[in-house]
Each structure stands twice: as C-alpha cells, then as structure tokens.
C-alpha atoms as a PDB file:
ATOM      1  CA  MET A   1      15.153 -21.916  -5.234  1.00  0.00           C
ATOM      2  CA  THR A   2      17.135 -19.538  -7.384  1.00  0.00           C
ATOM      3  CA  LYS A   3      19.112 -16.698  -5.838  1.00  0.00           C
ATOM      4  CA  ARG A   4      16.389 -14.274  -6.939  1.00  0.00           C
ATOM      5  CA  GLN A   5      13.670 -16.379  -5.305  1.00  0.00           C
ATOM      6  CA  LYS A   6      15.688 -16.701  -2.097  1.00  0.00           C
ATOM      7  CA  THR A   7      16.093 -12.923  -1.992  1.00  0.00           C
ATOM      8  CA  ALA A   8      12.340 -12.427  -2.454  1.00  0.00           C
ATOM      9  CA  PHE A   9      11.677 -14.982   0.280  1.00  0.00           C
ATOM     10  CA  VAL A  10      13.979 -13.203   2.751  1.00  0.00           C
ATOM     11  CA  LEU A  11      12.638  -9.744   1.891  1.00  0.00           C
ATOM     12  CA  ASN A  12       9.058 -10.932   2.397  1.00  0.00           C
ATOM     13  CA  ILE A  13       9.968 -12.372   5.798  1.00  0.00           C
ATOM     14  CA  ILE A  14      11.500  -9.017   6.761  1.00  0.00           C
ATOM     15  CA  ALA A  15       8.497  -7.105   5.388  1.00  0.00           C
ATOM     16  CA  LEU A  16       6.089  -9.407   7.225  1.00  0.00           C
ATOM     17  CA  PHE A  17       7.947  -9.011  10.518  1.00  0.00           C
ATOM     18  CA  LEU A  18       8.401  -5.232  10.348  1.00  0.00           C
ATOM     19  CA  GLY A  19       4.856  -4.672   9.105  1.00  0.00           C
ATOM     20  CA  ALA A  20       3.459  -6.770  11.950  1.00  0.00           C
ATOM     21  CA  VAL A  21       5.624  -4.896  14.467  1.00  0.00           C
ATOM     22  CA  GLY A  22       4.279  -1.591  13.176  1.00  0.00           C
ATOM     23  CA  ILE A  23       0.692  -2.815  13.435  1.00  0.00           C
ATOM     24  CA  ILE A  24       1.211  -4.094  16.977  1.00  0.00           C
ATOM     25  CA  VAL A  25       2.863  -0.839  18.049  1.00  0.00           C
ATOM     26  CA  ARG A  26      -0.019   1.101  16.546  1.00  0.00           C
ATOM     27  CA  ILE A  27      -2.586  -1.018  18.406  1.00  0.00           C
ATOM     28  CA  VAL A  28      -0.648  -0.758  21.671  1.00  0.00           C
ATOM     29  CA  ARG A  29      -0.564   3.024  21.289  1.00  0.00           C
ATOM     30  CA  ASP A  30      -4.381   2.795  21.189  1.00  0.00           C
ATOM     31  CA  ILE A  31      -4.792   5.296  18.363  1.00  0.00           C
ATOM     32  CA  PRO A  32      -8.496   5.469  17.464  1.00  0.00           C
ATOM     33  CA  ASP A  33     -10.073   4.654  14.105  1.00  0.00           C
ATOM     34  CA  PHE A  34      -7.361   2.186  13.060  1.00  0.00           C
ATOM     35  CA  TRP A  35      -9.380   0.806  10.141  1.00  0.00           C
ATOM     36  CA  LEU A  36     -10.147   4.225   8.661  1.00  0.00           C
ATOM     37  CA  TYR A  37      -6.555   4.899   7.632  1.00  0.00           C
ATOM     38  CA  TYR A  38      -5.332   3.904   4.181  1.00  0.00           C
ATOM     39  CA  THR A  39      -1.858   3.482   5.642  1.00  0.00           C
ATOM     40  CA  GLN A  40      -3.001   0.876   8.145  1.00  0.00           C
ATOM     41  CA  LEU A  41      -5.151  -0.989   5.637  1.00  0.00           C
ATOM     42  CA  SER A  42      -2.275  -0.990   3.163  1.00  0.00           C
ATOM     43  CA  ASN A  43       0.127  -2.421   5.705  1.00  0.00           C
ATOM     44  CA  VAL A  44      -2.363  -5.068   6.800  1.00  0.00           C
ATOM     45  CA  ALA A  45      -2.841  -6.042   3.147  1.00  0.00           C
ATOM     46  CA  ALA A  46       0.915  -6.098   2.601  1.00  0.00           C
ATOM     47  CA  VAL A  47       1.531  -8.263   5.682  1.00  0.00           C
ATOM     48  CA  ILE A  48      -1.131 -10.728   4.552  1.00  0.00           C
ATOM     49  CA  SER A  49       0.268 -10.798   1.013  1.00  0.00           C
ATOM     50  CA  SER A  50       3.805 -11.420   2.292  1.00  0.00           C
ATOM     51  CA  ALA A  51       2.508 -14.278   4.439  1.00  0.00           C
ATOM     52  CA  MET A  52       0.758 -15.711   1.375  1.00  0.00           C
ATOM     53  CA  TYR A  53       3.952 -15.420  -0.647  1.00  0.00           C
ATOM     54  CA  ILE A  54       6.028 -17.146   2.030  1.00  0.00           C
ATOM     55  CA  VAL A  55       3.595 -20.050   2.369  1.00  0.00           C
ATOM     56  CA  PHE A  56       2.532 -20.534  -1.255  1.00  0.00           C
ATOM     57  CA  ARG A  57       5.535 -19.290  -3.253  1.00  0.00           C
ATOM     58  CA  ASN A  58       6.199 -22.755  -4.718  1.00  0.00           C
ATOM     59  CA  THR A  59       2.610 -23.819  -5.337  1.00  0.00           C
ATOM     60  CA  ALA A  60       1.851 -25.704  -8.528  1.00  0.00           C
ATOM     61  CA  ASN A  61      -1.732 -24.443  -8.497  1.00  0.00           C
ATOM     62  CA  GLU A  62      -1.791 -21.667 -11.089  1.00  0.00           C
ATOM     63  CA  LYS A  63      -4.989 -20.100  -9.724  1.00  0.00           C
ATOM     64  CA  LEU A  64      -3.477 -19.906  -6.246  1.00  0.00           C
ATOM     65  CA  ALA A  65      -0.225 -18.557  -7.671  1.00  0.00           C
ATOM     66  CA  ALA A  66      -2.176 -15.862  -9.544  1.00  0.00           C
ATOM     67  CA  LEU A  67      -4.026 -14.992  -6.330  1.00  0.00           C
ATOM     68  CA  VAL A  68      -0.730 -14.601  -4.472  1.00  0.00           C
ATOM     69  CA  ARG A  69       0.714 -12.432  -7.254  1.00  0.00           C
ATOM     70  CA  GLY A  70      -2.419 -10.271  -7.218  1.00  0.00           C
ATOM     71  CA  ALA A  71      -2.312  -9.917  -3.434  1.00  0.00           C
ATOM     72  CA  ARG A  72       1.352  -8.927  -3.527  1.00  0.00           C
ATOM     73  CA  TYR A  73       0.646  -6.430  -6.295  1.00  0.00           C
ATOM     74  CA  LEU A  74      -2.179  -4.829  -4.314  1.00  0.00           C
ATOM     75  CA  GLY A  75      -0.103  -4.675  -1.124  1.00  0.00           C
ATOM     76  CA  VAL A  76       2.926  -3.156  -2.856  1.00  0.00           C
ATOM     77  CA  CYS A  77       0.946  -0.591  -4.854  1.00  0.00           C
ATOM     78  CA  SER A  78      -0.988   0.473  -1.750  1.00  0.00           C
ATOM     79  CA  LEU A  79       2.187   0.863   0.294  1.00  0.00           C
ATOM     80  CA  THR A  80       3.822   2.817  -2.529  1.00  0.00           C
ATOM     81  CA  MET A  81       0.776   5.087  -2.657  1.00  0.00           C
ATOM     82  CA  THR A  82       1.168   5.696   1.086  1.00  0.00           C
ATOM     83  CA  PHE A  83       4.866   6.487   0.653  1.00  0.00           C
ATOM     84  CA  VAL A  84       4.286   8.890  -2.250  1.00  0.00           C
ATOM     85  CA  VAL A  85       1.443  10.783  -0.540  1.00  0.00           C
ATOM     86  CA  VAL A  86       3.446  11.174   2.665  1.00  0.00           C
ATOM     87  CA  VAL A  87       6.619  12.318   0.900  1.00  0.00           C
ATOM     88  CA  LEU A  88       5.006  14.596  -1.709  1.00  0.00           C
ATOM     89  CA  ILE A  89       1.957  15.952   0.147  1.00  0.00           C
ATOM     90  CA  PHE A  90       1.790  15.439   3.896  1.00  0.00           C
ATOM     91  CA  LEU A  91       5.374  16.228   4.897  1.00  0.00           C
ATOM     92  CA  PRO A  92       6.006  19.205   2.559  1.00  0.00           C
ATOM     93  CA  PHE A  93       2.635  20.858   3.168  1.00  0.00           C
ATOM     94  CA  GLY A  94       1.835  19.696   6.687  1.00  0.00           C
ATOM     95  CA  THR A  95       2.679  21.106  10.099  1.00  0.00           C
ATOM     96  CA  ALA A  96       5.349  20.089  12.577  1.00  0.00           C
ATOM     97  CA  GLU A  97       2.629  18.360  14.585  1.00  0.00           C
ATOM     98  CA  SER A  98       1.389  16.356  11.599  1.00  0.00           C
ATOM     99  CA  ALA A  99       4.963  15.420  10.673  1.00  0.00           C
ATOM    100  CA  ASP A 100       5.503  14.106  14.197  1.00  0.00           C
ATOM    101  CA  MET A 101       2.351  12.013  13.877  1.00  0.00           C
ATOM    102  CA  LEU A 102       3.630  10.555  10.616  1.00  0.00           C
ATOM    103  CA  VAL A 103       7.284   9.862  11.385  1.00  0.00           C
ATOM    104  CA  GLY A 104       7.716  10.613  15.079  1.00  0.00           C
ATOM    105  CA  HIS A 105       6.992   7.058  16.200  1.00  0.00           C
ATOM    106  CA  LEU A 106       8.222   3.587  15.294  1.00  0.00           C
ATOM    107  CA  ASN A 107       5.040   2.479  13.569  1.00  0.00           C
ATOM    108  CA  GLY A 108       5.002   5.664  11.462  1.00  0.00           C
ATOM    109  CA  ILE A 109       8.576   5.135  10.259  1.00  0.00           C
ATOM    110  CA  LEU A 110       7.955   1.467   9.518  1.00  0.00           C
ATOM    111  CA  HIS A 111       4.604   1.928   7.793  1.00  0.00           C
ATOM    112  CA  HIS A 112       5.347   5.095   5.840  1.00  0.00           C
ATOM    113  CA  PHE A 113       8.940   4.415   4.771  1.00  0.00           C
ATOM    114  CA  VAL A 114      10.644   1.138   5.660  1.00  0.00           C
ATOM    115  CA  CYS A 115       7.919  -1.349   4.718  1.00  0.00           C
ATOM    116  CA  PRO A 116       6.979   0.378   1.439  1.00  0.00           C
ATOM    117  CA  VAL A 117      10.619   0.452   0.288  1.00  0.00           C
ATOM    118  CA  ILE A 118      11.320  -3.181   1.205  1.00  0.00           C
ATOM    119  CA  SER A 119       8.100  -4.430  -0.380  1.00  0.00           C
ATOM    120  CA  LEU A 120       8.636  -2.420  -3.560  1.00  0.00           C
ATOM    121  CA  ILE A 121      12.212  -3.672  -3.992  1.00  0.00           C
ATOM    122  CA  SER A 122      11.136  -7.258  -3.401  1.00  0.00           C
ATOM    123  CA  TYR A 123       8.191  -7.150  -5.788  1.00  0.00           C
ATOM    124  CA  VAL A 124       9.749  -5.212  -8.642  1.00  0.00           C
ATOM    125  CA  TRP A 125      13.161  -6.869  -8.760  1.00  0.00           C
ATOM    126  CA  PHE A 126      12.779 -10.333  -7.272  1.00  0.00           C
ATOM    127  CA  GLU A 127       9.188 -11.597  -7.601  1.00  0.00           C
ATOM    128  CA  ASP A 128       7.066 -12.903 -10.451  1.00  0.00           C
ATOM    129  CA  GLY A 129       4.519 -10.118 -10.633  1.00  0.00           C
ATOM    130  CA  ALA A 130       0.910  -9.979 -11.778  1.00  0.00           C
ATOM    131  CA  LYS A 131       0.731 -11.078 -15.411  1.00  0.00           C
ATOM    132  CA  SER A 132      -2.580  -9.604 -16.556  1.00  0.00           C
ATOM    133  CA  ARG A 133      -2.595  -6.261 -18.368  1.00  0.00           C
ATOM    134  CA  ARG A 134      -5.674  -5.432 -16.300  1.00  0.00           C
ATOM    135  CA  ALA A 135      -3.691  -5.770 -13.063  1.00  0.00           C
ATOM    136  CA  PRO A 136      -3.691  -1.968 -12.410  1.00  0.00           C
ATOM    137  CA  LEU A 137      -7.442  -2.265 -11.924  1.00  0.00           C
ATOM    138  CA  ILE A 138      -6.794  -4.155  -8.667  1.00  0.00           C
ATOM    139  CA  PRO A 139      -5.349  -1.215  -6.650  1.00  0.00           C
ATOM    140  CA  LEU A 140      -7.583   1.251  -8.513  1.00  0.00           C
ATOM    141  CA  ILE A 141     -10.793  -0.573  -7.534  1.00  0.00           C
ATOM    142  CA  ALA A 142      -9.546  -1.124  -3.966  1.00  0.00           C
ATOM    143  CA  THR A 143      -8.695   2.583  -3.549  1.00  0.00           C
ATOM    144  CA  THR A 144     -12.019   3.645  -5.076  1.00  0.00           C
ATOM    145  CA  ILE A 145     -13.947   1.431  -2.653  1.00  0.00           C
ATOM    146  CA  TYR A 146     -11.908   2.775   0.262  1.00  0.00           C
ATOM    147  CA  ALA A 147     -12.520   6.412  -0.733  1.00  0.00           C
ATOM    148  CA  PHE A 148     -16.242   5.824  -1.298  1.00  0.00           C
ATOM    149  CA  ILE A 149     -16.644   4.226   2.141  1.00  0.00           C
ATOM    150  CA  VAL A 150     -14.683   6.963   3.923  1.00  0.00           C
ATOM    151  CA  TYR A 151     -16.560   9.749   2.131  1.00  0.00           C
ATOM    152  CA  THR A 152     -19.879   8.090   2.961  1.00  0.00           C
ATOM    153  CA  LEU A 153     -19.007   7.664   6.628  1.00  0.00           C
ATOM    154  CA  ASN A 154     -17.962  11.303   6.810  1.00  0.00           C
ATOM    155  CA  ILE A 155     -21.063  12.562   4.984  1.00  0.00           C
ATOM    156  CA  PHE A 156     -23.339  10.820   7.471  1.00  0.00           C
ATOM    157  CA  ARG A 157     -21.042  11.781  10.371  1.00  0.00           C
ATOM    158  CA  LEU A 158     -20.567   8.145  11.296  1.00  0.00           C
ATOM    159  CA  ALA A 159     -16.779   8.465  11.507  1.00  0.00           C
ATOM    160  CA  PRO A 160     -14.191  11.243  11.351  1.00  0.00           C
ATOM    161  CA  ALA A 161     -12.191  11.863   8.196  1.00  0.00           C
ATOM    162  CA  PRO A 162      -8.809  10.109   8.464  1.00  0.00           C
ATOM    163  CA  TYR A 163      -7.207  12.667   6.137  1.00  0.00           C
ATOM    164  CA  PRO A 164      -7.958  16.378   5.499  1.00  0.00           C
ATOM    165  CA  PHE A 165      -9.099  15.815   1.913  1.00  0.00           C
ATOM    166  CA  PHE A 166     -11.886  13.509   3.149  1.00  0.00           C
ATOM    167  CA  GLU A 167     -13.463  16.203   5.339  1.00  0.00           C
ATOM    168  CA  VAL A 168     -16.566  16.778   3.232  1.00  0.00           C
ATOM    169  CA  TYR A 169     -17.946  19.606   5.382  1.00  0.00           C
ATOM    170  CA  ASP A 170     -14.720  21.614   5.291  1.00  0.00           C
ATOM    171  CA  HIS A 171     -14.199  21.751   1.523  1.00  0.00           C
ATOM    172  CA  PRO A 172     -16.282  22.747  -1.528  1.00  0.00           C
ATOM    173  CA  VAL A 173     -17.575  19.942  -3.716  1.00  0.00           C
ATOM    174  CA  TRP A 174     -15.252  20.772  -6.609  1.00  0.00           C
ATOM    175  CA  GLU A 175     -12.231  20.453  -4.320  1.00  0.00           C
ATOM    176  CA  LEU A 176     -13.387  17.073  -3.001  1.00  0.00           C
ATOM    177  CA  VAL A 177     -13.936  15.869  -6.557  1.00  0.00           C
ATOM    178  CA  ALA A 178     -10.503  17.140  -7.590  1.00  0.00           C
ATOM    179  CA  TRP A 179      -8.847  15.308  -4.701  1.00  0.00           C
ATOM    180  CA  PHE A 180     -10.783  12.131  -5.471  1.00  0.00           C
ATOM    181  CA  VAL A 181      -9.850  12.179  -9.149  1.00  0.00           C
ATOM    182  CA  GLY A 182      -6.262  13.114  -8.338  1.00  0.00           C
ATOM    183  CA  LEU A 183      -5.866  10.234  -5.904  1.00  0.00           C
ATOM    184  CA  LEU A 184      -7.270   7.758  -8.411  1.00  0.00           C
ATOM    185  CA  ILE A 185      -4.936   9.057 -11.117  1.00  0.00           C
ATOM    186  CA  MET A 186      -1.995   8.740  -8.729  1.00  0.00           C
ATOM    187  CA  THR A 187      -3.063   5.211  -7.772  1.00  0.00           C
ATOM    188  CA  THR A 188      -3.310   4.180 -11.414  1.00  0.00           C
ATOM    189  CA  ALA A 189       0.033   5.773 -12.309  1.00  0.00           C
ATOM    190  CA  ILE A 190       1.766   3.993  -9.431  1.00  0.00           C
ATOM    191  CA  ALA A 191       0.146   0.686 -10.385  1.00  0.00           C
ATOM    192  CA  VAL A 192       1.286   1.021 -14.002  1.00  0.00           C
ATOM    193  CA  VAL A 193       4.842   2.009 -13.072  1.00  0.00           C
ATOM    194  CA  VAL A 194       5.166  -0.848 -10.558  1.00  0.00           C
ATOM    195  CA  ARG A 195       3.899  -3.366 -13.112  1.00  0.00           C
ATOM    196  CA  LEU A 196       6.169  -2.087 -15.886  1.00  0.00           C
ATOM    197  CA  GLY A 197       9.136  -2.060 -13.509  1.00  0.00           C
ATOM    198  CA  ASN A 198       8.480  -5.679 -12.594  1.00  0.00           C
ATOM    199  CA  ILE A 199       8.149  -6.673 -16.267  1.00  0.00           C
ATOM    200  CA  ALA A 200      11.437  -4.943 -17.119  1.00  0.00           C
ATOM    201  CA  ALA A 201      13.191  -6.638 -14.200  1.00  0.00           C
ATOM    202  CA  ARG A 202      11.836 -10.054 -15.231  1.00  0.00           C
ATOM    203  CA  LYS A 203      13.209  -9.543 -18.733  1.00  0.00           C
ATOM    204  CA  ASP A 204      16.605  -8.663 -17.276  1.00  0.00           C
ATOM    205  CA  TYR A 205      16.951 -11.781 -15.168  1.00  0.00           C
ATOM    206  CA  LYS A 206      15.621 -14.046 -17.916  1.00  0.00           C
ATOM    207  CA  SER A 207      17.987 -12.680 -20.549  1.00  0.00           C
END
C-alpha cells in the first residue's frame, strides 16, 4: 500500500470504531425512534461503508470496487450533511435544551462532529472516490427517499417527526415545501463539493 492508502485505511478503522461506539451508546441510552433520525442512518451507512472499504480496498473486481466507492461517497456526504445542518441550523437557532441533546452526550459529539470530520478527510484526501459524474445523485436520491418516508409517516401519524421541519401539522404547506427543496439543494451542493474536492486531491497526489 502507498502512504496515502495506509492513511485511508487507518482513518477508516478509526471512523468505524468511533461510529460504532456512538451507535452503541445511543442504543444503550434507549432513545426512541432510532431509525427515524437522519443522523443515525448516516452514521450506520458510514460505518458499513468504512467496513466495506477496510475489507475490499484491494479488490480486483471493478464492480465491487465501484460499489465500495459509492458506499463511501454516500456515507461521507450524509455525514457532512448532518454536520452542516447541526452547525448552521440547529445550534445557532435552537435552544439550550436542543443543543444539549445534540452535543451534550458522547454519541452526539461523535456522530455530529468527530465522525463526519474524520470520514470527510479520509474520503476527500486519501481515497479513490466515486468516478461517475452522476455520483451526486446517490446522496440526493437517498435523502429524497428518507424525507418522503418521514413525511409520509408523520402525515399518517404513524411516527413522530424526528426534526421540526418534518412536523407537517405544525407548518404551512409552503414552508414544508421550502424546507424540502432547501434540504435537497443542500444535499446536492455538498455532494458536488465533496466529489470535486476528491477529484482535486487525486490530481494533486498523481502529479
């Protein structure tokens, strides 16, 4: 392995371990509706993608390698989305109680800050990223499916809204639509920036 590949390998081990610790702590704390939260789903996806990278990083099967790159891309973009929303929306405009829920416990610190930063650094600077120009569609489609499911569950009162902007009975339709479109735009922007950052980094270490 090259020095770059060794660094990516080590960072993925760290990300896998810390992400798993955060998930276990969250489960032990017995917080309800685990699977409704984008943060938790993102960290589960990231942990799985890091495990895939660790196991299959040297595979000669191009289809499997592309699958691993796509999984890593999805995990990293989702975690970055979590980080951006927390830093730019939830913490500045939330309450002291909501801030404590986000960063007042180990799993919150790991899942909202530590794991996103480690995964982003690893993917952008040290991994061979997704090659397809259509790669940004991966996190966009995943986020759209997530939002559609959560909105549907909330509309039929089958589950509570995990975030305020998913509370369909507390906001006018135009506001819900604005949030939905805004989140998809943010997801796409993050996906594009992450991909371009990885491409730029690859050019640097190949030059």
